[in-house]
Amino acid sequence: QVQLVESGGGLVQAGGSLRLSCAASGRTFTGTGMGWFRQAPGKEREFVAAISWGGSSTDYADSVKGRFTISRDNAKNTVSLQMNSLKPEDTAVYYCASSRGYTTVLSRYTKWGQGTQVTVSS
């Protein structure tokens, strides 16, 4: 089974940047699609970004397009989310997740990390 551990969250001022990382362990990392999701207080968890196994396909929520970049290093079993031009509305707990294939659909992700808090101050 894949186990996921996020890191890199923190407090940043609006306009700043953060880079989140997700370390995956387990033999079944091979072939998985990976995604980042976030959940703000009182709101449902929402899709942020996804990347295919080979990295050739990526997708982003409209709210983060042009500001966030997802990438992966399969040799190191890691997935990253570079977040630039952060806004207060990006404040949330960010989760990485894995799926059997490439998808942006939350319900198709079967493994989840514990989450990392991102707080953007105005």
N, C-alpha and C. Protein backbone atom coordinates (compact mmCIF):
# COMPACT_ATOMS: atom_id res chain seq x y z
N GLN A 1 0.83 -1.19 0.00
CA GLN A 1 0.00 0.00 0.00
C GLN A 1 0.87 1.24 0.00
N VAL A 2 0.33 2.31 -0.59
CA VAL A 2 1.03 3.59 -0.61
C VAL A 2 0.72 4.36 0.66
N GLN A 3 1.76 4.89 1.27
CA GLN A 3 1.59 5.80 2.40
C GLN A 3 2.14 7.15 2.00
N LEU A 4 1.44 8.21 2.35
CA LEU A 4 1.77 9.56 1.91
C LEU A 4 1.98 10.48 3.10
N VAL A 5 3.04 11.27 3.03
CA VAL A 5 3.35 12.23 4.10
C VAL A 5 3.66 13.58 3.47
N GLU A 6 2.85 14.58 3.81
CA GLU A 6 3.05 15.93 3.28
C GLU A 6 3.96 16.75 4.19
N SER A 7 4.61 17.73 3.61
CA SER A 7 5.42 18.68 4.36
C SER A 7 5.49 19.99 3.59
N GLY A 8 5.95 21.03 4.26
CA GLY A 8 6.18 22.30 3.58
C GLY A 8 5.16 23.37 3.84
N GLY A 9 4.11 23.06 4.58
CA GLY A 9 3.12 24.07 4.88
C GLY A 9 3.67 25.11 5.84
N GLY A 10 2.90 26.17 6.03
CA GLY A 10 3.33 27.22 6.96
C GLY A 10 2.54 28.49 6.77
N LEU A 11 3.05 29.54 7.37
CA LEU A 11 2.41 30.86 7.31
C LEU A 11 3.20 31.75 6.35
N VAL A 12 2.49 32.39 5.43
CA VAL A 12 3.15 33.24 4.45
C VAL A 12 2.26 34.45 4.19
N GLN A 13 2.87 35.55 3.81
CA GLN A 13 2.10 36.73 3.48
C GLN A 13 1.54 36.63 2.07
N ALA A 14 0.47 37.32 1.83
CA ALA A 14 -0.12 37.35 0.48
C ALA A 14 0.94 37.79 -0.52
N GLY A 15 0.95 37.10 -1.65
CA GLY A 15 1.94 37.37 -2.68
C GLY A 15 3.17 36.50 -2.57
N GLY A 16 3.31 35.81 -1.47
CA GLY A 16 4.46 34.97 -1.24
C GLY A 16 4.32 33.59 -1.87
N SER A 17 5.31 32.74 -1.60
CA SER A 17 5.36 31.41 -2.18
C SER A 17 5.62 30.35 -1.12
N LEU A 18 5.13 29.16 -1.40
CA LEU A 18 5.43 27.97 -0.60
C LEU A 18 5.56 26.80 -1.54
N ARG A 19 6.33 25.83 -1.12
CA ARG A 19 6.45 24.59 -1.88
C ARG A 19 6.08 23.43 -0.97
N LEU A 20 5.04 22.73 -1.33
CA LEU A 20 4.62 21.54 -0.59
C LEU A 20 5.24 20.30 -1.22
N SER A 21 5.58 19.37 -0.37
CA SER A 21 6.10 18.09 -0.84
C SER A 21 5.30 16.96 -0.25
N CYS A 22 5.26 15.88 -0.99
CA CYS A 22 4.56 14.67 -0.54
C CYS A 22 5.48 13.48 -0.82
N ALA A 23 5.86 12.81 0.24
CA ALA A 23 6.71 11.63 0.11
C ALA A 23 5.86 10.38 0.17
N ALA A 24 6.03 9.53 -0.81
CA ALA A 24 5.24 8.31 -0.89
C ALA A 24 6.12 7.10 -0.62
N SER A 25 5.59 6.16 0.10
CA SER A 25 6.30 4.92 0.35
C SER A 25 5.41 3.76 -0.05
N GLY A 26 6.03 2.66 -0.41
CA GLY A 26 5.24 1.51 -0.82
C GLY A 26 5.46 1.18 -2.28
N ARG A 27 5.44 -0.09 -2.58
CA ARG A 27 5.73 -0.54 -3.94
C ARG A 27 4.67 -0.12 -4.94
N THR A 28 3.45 0.14 -4.48
CA THR A 28 2.37 0.43 -5.42
C THR A 28 2.35 1.88 -5.85
N PHE A 29 3.40 2.65 -5.58
CA PHE A 29 3.47 4.03 -6.08
C PHE A 29 3.57 4.02 -7.59
N THR A 30 4.13 2.94 -8.13
CA THR A 30 4.29 2.84 -9.57
C THR A 30 2.95 2.88 -10.27
N GLY A 31 2.86 3.73 -11.28
CA GLY A 31 1.66 3.81 -12.08
C GLY A 31 0.55 4.67 -11.53
N THR A 32 0.74 5.23 -10.36
CA THR A 32 -0.33 5.99 -9.73
C THR A 32 -0.44 7.40 -10.29
N GLY A 33 -1.67 7.89 -10.33
CA GLY A 33 -1.88 9.31 -10.52
C GLY A 33 -1.81 9.97 -9.15
N MET A 34 -1.36 11.20 -9.13
CA MET A 34 -1.24 11.91 -7.86
C MET A 34 -1.97 13.23 -7.94
N GLY A 35 -2.50 13.65 -6.80
CA GLY A 35 -3.23 14.90 -6.78
C GLY A 35 -3.02 15.64 -5.48
N TRP A 36 -3.30 16.93 -5.54
CA TRP A 36 -3.34 17.78 -4.36
C TRP A 36 -4.77 18.31 -4.21
N PHE A 37 -5.23 18.29 -2.99
CA PHE A 37 -6.56 18.80 -2.65
C PHE A 37 -6.40 19.72 -1.45
N ARG A 38 -7.43 20.51 -1.18
CA ARG A 38 -7.38 21.38 -0.01
C ARG A 38 -8.76 21.50 0.62
N GLN A 39 -8.74 21.81 1.90
CA GLN A 39 -9.99 21.97 2.63
C GLN A 39 -9.85 23.14 3.58
N ALA A 40 -10.67 24.14 3.34
CA ALA A 40 -10.71 25.31 4.21
C ALA A 40 -11.75 25.08 5.30
N PRO A 41 -11.64 25.78 6.42
CA PRO A 41 -12.61 25.60 7.51
C PRO A 41 -14.04 25.83 7.03
N GLY A 42 -14.90 24.89 7.35
CA GLY A 42 -16.30 25.01 7.00
C GLY A 42 -16.63 24.73 5.55
N LYS A 43 -15.63 24.31 4.79
CA LYS A 43 -15.85 24.04 3.37
C LYS A 43 -15.51 22.59 3.04
N GLU A 44 -16.01 22.14 1.90
CA GLU A 44 -15.71 20.79 1.47
C GLU A 44 -14.29 20.73 0.88
N ARG A 45 -13.73 19.53 0.91
CA ARG A 45 -12.43 19.34 0.30
C ARG A 45 -12.56 19.54 -1.22
N GLU A 46 -11.60 20.22 -1.81
CA GLU A 46 -11.68 20.51 -3.23
C GLU A 46 -10.40 20.17 -3.96
N PHE A 47 -10.54 19.90 -5.24
CA PHE A 47 -9.42 19.59 -6.10
C PHE A 47 -8.55 20.82 -6.32
N VAL A 48 -7.24 20.61 -6.34
CA VAL A 48 -6.29 21.68 -6.62
C VAL A 48 -5.50 21.37 -7.88
N ALA A 49 -4.86 20.19 -7.93
CA ALA A 49 -4.01 19.85 -9.06
C ALA A 49 -3.83 18.35 -9.13
N ALA A 50 -3.55 17.85 -10.34
CA ALA A 50 -3.31 16.43 -10.54
C ALA A 50 -2.22 16.24 -11.57
N ILE A 51 -1.54 15.11 -11.48
CA ILE A 51 -0.47 14.78 -12.42
C ILE A 51 -0.48 13.30 -12.69
N SER A 52 -0.23 12.94 -13.94
CA SER A 52 -0.21 11.53 -14.32
C SER A 52 1.10 10.88 -13.90
N TRP A 53 1.17 9.57 -14.04
CA TRP A 53 2.35 8.83 -13.62
C TRP A 53 3.62 9.36 -14.29
N GLY A 54 3.56 9.55 -15.59
CA GLY A 54 4.74 10.01 -16.32
C GLY A 54 4.95 11.50 -16.29
N GLY A 55 3.97 12.22 -15.77
CA GLY A 55 4.09 13.67 -15.68
C GLY A 55 3.67 14.42 -16.93
N SER A 56 3.24 13.70 -17.97
CA SER A 56 2.90 14.37 -19.22
C SER A 56 1.54 15.05 -19.16
N SER A 57 0.70 14.62 -18.23
CA SER A 57 -0.62 15.23 -18.08
C SER A 57 -0.75 15.87 -16.72
N THR A 58 -1.21 17.10 -16.72
CA THR A 58 -1.49 17.82 -15.48
C THR A 58 -2.80 18.57 -15.63
N ASP A 59 -3.40 18.88 -14.51
CA ASP A 59 -4.64 19.64 -14.52
C ASP A 59 -4.70 20.47 -13.24
N TYR A 60 -5.38 21.60 -13.33
CA TYR A 60 -5.45 22.52 -12.20
C TYR A 60 -6.85 23.07 -12.03
N ALA A 61 -7.20 23.35 -10.81
CA ALA A 61 -8.43 24.09 -10.56
C ALA A 61 -8.28 25.49 -11.15
N ASP A 62 -9.36 26.04 -11.63
CA ASP A 62 -9.31 27.38 -12.22
C ASP A 62 -8.74 28.41 -11.26
N SER A 63 -9.03 28.22 -9.99
CA SER A 63 -8.61 29.21 -8.98
C SER A 63 -7.10 29.26 -8.78
N VAL A 64 -6.38 28.24 -9.24
CA VAL A 64 -4.92 28.21 -9.01
C VAL A 64 -4.13 28.20 -10.31
N LYS A 65 -4.80 28.13 -11.44
CA LYS A 65 -4.09 28.09 -12.73
C LYS A 65 -3.19 29.32 -12.89
N GLY A 66 -1.98 29.06 -13.34
CA GLY A 66 -1.03 30.14 -13.53
C GLY A 66 -0.27 30.51 -12.28
N ARG A 67 -0.70 29.99 -11.14
CA ARG A 67 0.00 30.30 -9.87
C ARG A 67 0.63 29.06 -9.25
N PHE A 68 0.00 27.91 -9.40
CA PHE A 68 0.48 26.67 -8.81
C PHE A 68 1.02 25.75 -9.89
N THR A 69 2.04 24.96 -9.54
CA THR A 69 2.60 23.98 -10.46
C THR A 69 2.82 22.68 -9.72
N ILE A 70 2.27 21.60 -10.27
CA ILE A 70 2.46 20.28 -9.70
C ILE A 70 3.56 19.56 -10.48
N SER A 71 4.37 18.80 -9.76
CA SER A 71 5.44 18.03 -10.41
C SER A 71 5.67 16.77 -9.60
N ARG A 72 6.38 15.83 -10.19
CA ARG A 72 6.69 14.60 -9.47
C ARG A 72 8.06 14.09 -9.88
N ASP A 73 8.70 13.38 -8.97
CA ASP A 73 9.97 12.72 -9.21
C ASP A 73 9.78 11.26 -8.84
N ASN A 74 9.55 10.43 -9.81
CA ASN A 74 9.25 9.03 -9.53
C ASN A 74 10.46 8.28 -8.97
N ALA A 75 11.63 8.72 -9.29
CA ALA A 75 12.83 8.07 -8.75
C ALA A 75 12.92 8.28 -7.24
N LYS A 76 12.37 9.39 -6.76
CA LYS A 76 12.39 9.70 -5.33
C LYS A 76 11.03 9.48 -4.68
N ASN A 77 10.05 9.06 -5.45
CA ASN A 77 8.70 8.84 -4.93
C ASN A 77 8.14 10.10 -4.26
N THR A 78 8.29 11.22 -4.92
CA THR A 78 7.80 12.48 -4.36
C THR A 78 6.94 13.23 -5.36
N VAL A 79 6.02 13.98 -4.82
CA VAL A 79 5.17 14.88 -5.60
C VAL A 79 5.23 16.24 -4.92
N SER A 80 5.32 17.29 -5.71
CA SER A 80 5.44 18.63 -5.15
C SER A 80 4.37 19.55 -5.71
N LEU A 81 4.10 20.58 -4.95
CA LEU A 81 3.18 21.62 -5.39
C LEU A 81 3.84 22.96 -5.10
N GLN A 82 4.28 23.62 -6.15
CA GLN A 82 4.86 24.95 -6.02
C GLN A 82 3.72 25.96 -6.08
N MET A 83 3.61 26.78 -5.05
CA MET A 83 2.51 27.73 -4.95
C MET A 83 3.09 29.14 -4.93
N ASN A 84 2.78 29.91 -5.94
CA ASN A 84 3.25 31.28 -6.05
C ASN A 84 2.06 32.25 -5.99
N SER A 85 2.38 33.50 -5.74
CA SER A 85 1.34 34.55 -5.70
C SER A 85 0.18 34.13 -4.81
N LEU A 86 0.50 33.67 -3.63
CA LEU A 86 -0.52 33.15 -2.74
C LEU A 86 -1.48 34.25 -2.29
N LYS A 87 -2.72 33.83 -2.10
CA LYS A 87 -3.79 34.74 -1.69
C LYS A 87 -4.38 34.24 -0.37
N PRO A 88 -4.99 35.12 0.40
CA PRO A 88 -5.62 34.67 1.65
C PRO A 88 -6.63 33.54 1.43
N GLU A 89 -7.29 33.54 0.29
CA GLU A 89 -8.27 32.49 0.02
C GLU A 89 -7.64 31.13 -0.29
N ASP A 90 -6.32 31.08 -0.38
CA ASP A 90 -5.62 29.80 -0.52
C ASP A 90 -5.41 29.12 0.84
N THR A 91 -5.75 29.81 1.90
CA THR A 91 -5.60 29.24 3.24
C THR A 91 -6.45 27.99 3.39
N ALA A 92 -5.81 26.89 3.77
CA ALA A 92 -6.50 25.61 3.89
C ALA A 92 -5.51 24.55 4.38
N VAL A 93 -6.04 23.40 4.69
CA VAL A 93 -5.21 22.22 4.88
C VAL A 93 -5.07 21.57 3.51
N TYR A 94 -3.84 21.30 3.12
CA TYR A 94 -3.56 20.72 1.81
C TYR A 94 -3.20 19.25 1.98
N TYR A 95 -3.82 18.44 1.13
CA TYR A 95 -3.63 17.00 1.18
C TYR A 95 -3.09 16.49 -0.15
N CYS A 96 -2.16 15.57 -0.12
CA CYS A 96 -1.82 14.86 -1.34
C CYS A 96 -2.52 13.51 -1.31
N ALA A 97 -2.76 12.98 -2.47
CA ALA A 97 -3.52 11.73 -2.59
C ALA A 97 -3.07 10.99 -3.83
N SER A 98 -3.30 9.69 -3.80
CA SER A 98 -2.93 8.85 -4.95
C SER A 98 -4.15 8.11 -5.47
N SER A 99 -4.13 7.86 -6.75
CA SER A 99 -5.20 7.11 -7.40
C SER A 99 -4.59 6.08 -8.33
N ARG A 100 -5.40 5.15 -8.78
CA ARG A 100 -4.88 4.11 -9.66
C ARG A 100 -4.49 4.67 -11.01
N GLY A 101 -5.14 5.69 -11.46
CA GLY A 101 -4.81 6.32 -12.73
C GLY A 101 -4.96 7.81 -12.62
N TYR A 102 -4.79 8.48 -13.72
CA TYR A 102 -4.87 9.93 -13.73
C TYR A 102 -6.32 10.38 -13.66
N THR A 103 -6.63 11.20 -12.69
CA THR A 103 -7.99 11.69 -12.53
C THR A 103 -7.99 12.96 -11.71
N THR A 104 -9.03 13.76 -11.89
CA THR A 104 -9.22 14.95 -11.06
C THR A 104 -10.39 14.75 -10.10
N VAL A 105 -10.99 13.59 -10.12
CA VAL A 105 -12.17 13.30 -9.32
C VAL A 105 -11.76 12.84 -7.92
N LEU A 106 -12.18 13.58 -6.93
CA LEU A 106 -11.78 13.31 -5.55
C LEU A 106 -12.10 11.89 -5.11
N SER A 107 -13.28 11.41 -5.47
CA SER A 107 -13.72 10.09 -5.00
C SER A 107 -12.89 8.94 -5.56
N ARG A 108 -12.10 9.20 -6.57
CA ARG A 108 -11.27 8.16 -7.16
C ARG A 108 -9.89 8.06 -6.53
N TYR A 109 -9.63 8.94 -5.61
CA TYR A 109 -8.36 8.88 -4.88
C TYR A 109 -8.54 8.00 -3.66
N THR A 110 -7.67 7.03 -3.52
CA THR A 110 -7.87 6.01 -2.50
C THR A 110 -6.93 6.14 -1.31
N LYS A 111 -5.81 6.81 -1.50
CA LYS A 111 -4.85 6.98 -0.42
C LYS A 111 -4.63 8.46 -0.19
N TRP A 112 -4.59 8.84 1.09
CA TRP A 112 -4.48 10.25 1.46
C TRP A 112 -3.41 10.45 2.52
N GLY A 113 -2.74 11.58 2.44
CA GLY A 113 -1.84 11.97 3.50
C GLY A 113 -2.61 12.61 4.64
N GLN A 114 -1.88 13.02 5.66
CA GLN A 114 -2.51 13.58 6.85
C GLN A 114 -2.81 15.06 6.70
N GLY A 115 -2.24 15.69 5.70
CA GLY A 115 -2.49 17.10 5.45
C GLY A 115 -1.44 18.01 6.06
N THR A 116 -1.28 19.17 5.44
CA THR A 116 -0.37 20.19 5.96
C THR A 116 -1.06 21.55 5.86
N GLN A 117 -0.95 22.35 6.90
CA GLN A 117 -1.66 23.62 6.96
C GLN A 117 -0.91 24.70 6.18
N VAL A 118 -1.64 25.40 5.34
CA VAL A 118 -1.12 26.59 4.66
C VAL A 118 -1.98 27.77 5.07
N THR A 119 -1.35 28.80 5.60
CA THR A 119 -2.05 30.01 6.02
C THR A 119 -1.44 31.21 5.32
N VAL A 120 -2.29 31.95 4.62
CA VAL A 120 -1.84 33.13 3.89
C VAL A 120 -2.45 34.36 4.55
N SER A 121 -1.60 35.22 5.04
CA SER A 121 -2.09 36.43 5.72
C SER A 121 -2.18 37.58 4.74
N SER A 122 -3.14 38.46 4.99
CA SER A 122 -3.34 39.60 4.09
C SER A 122 -2.51 40.80 4.52
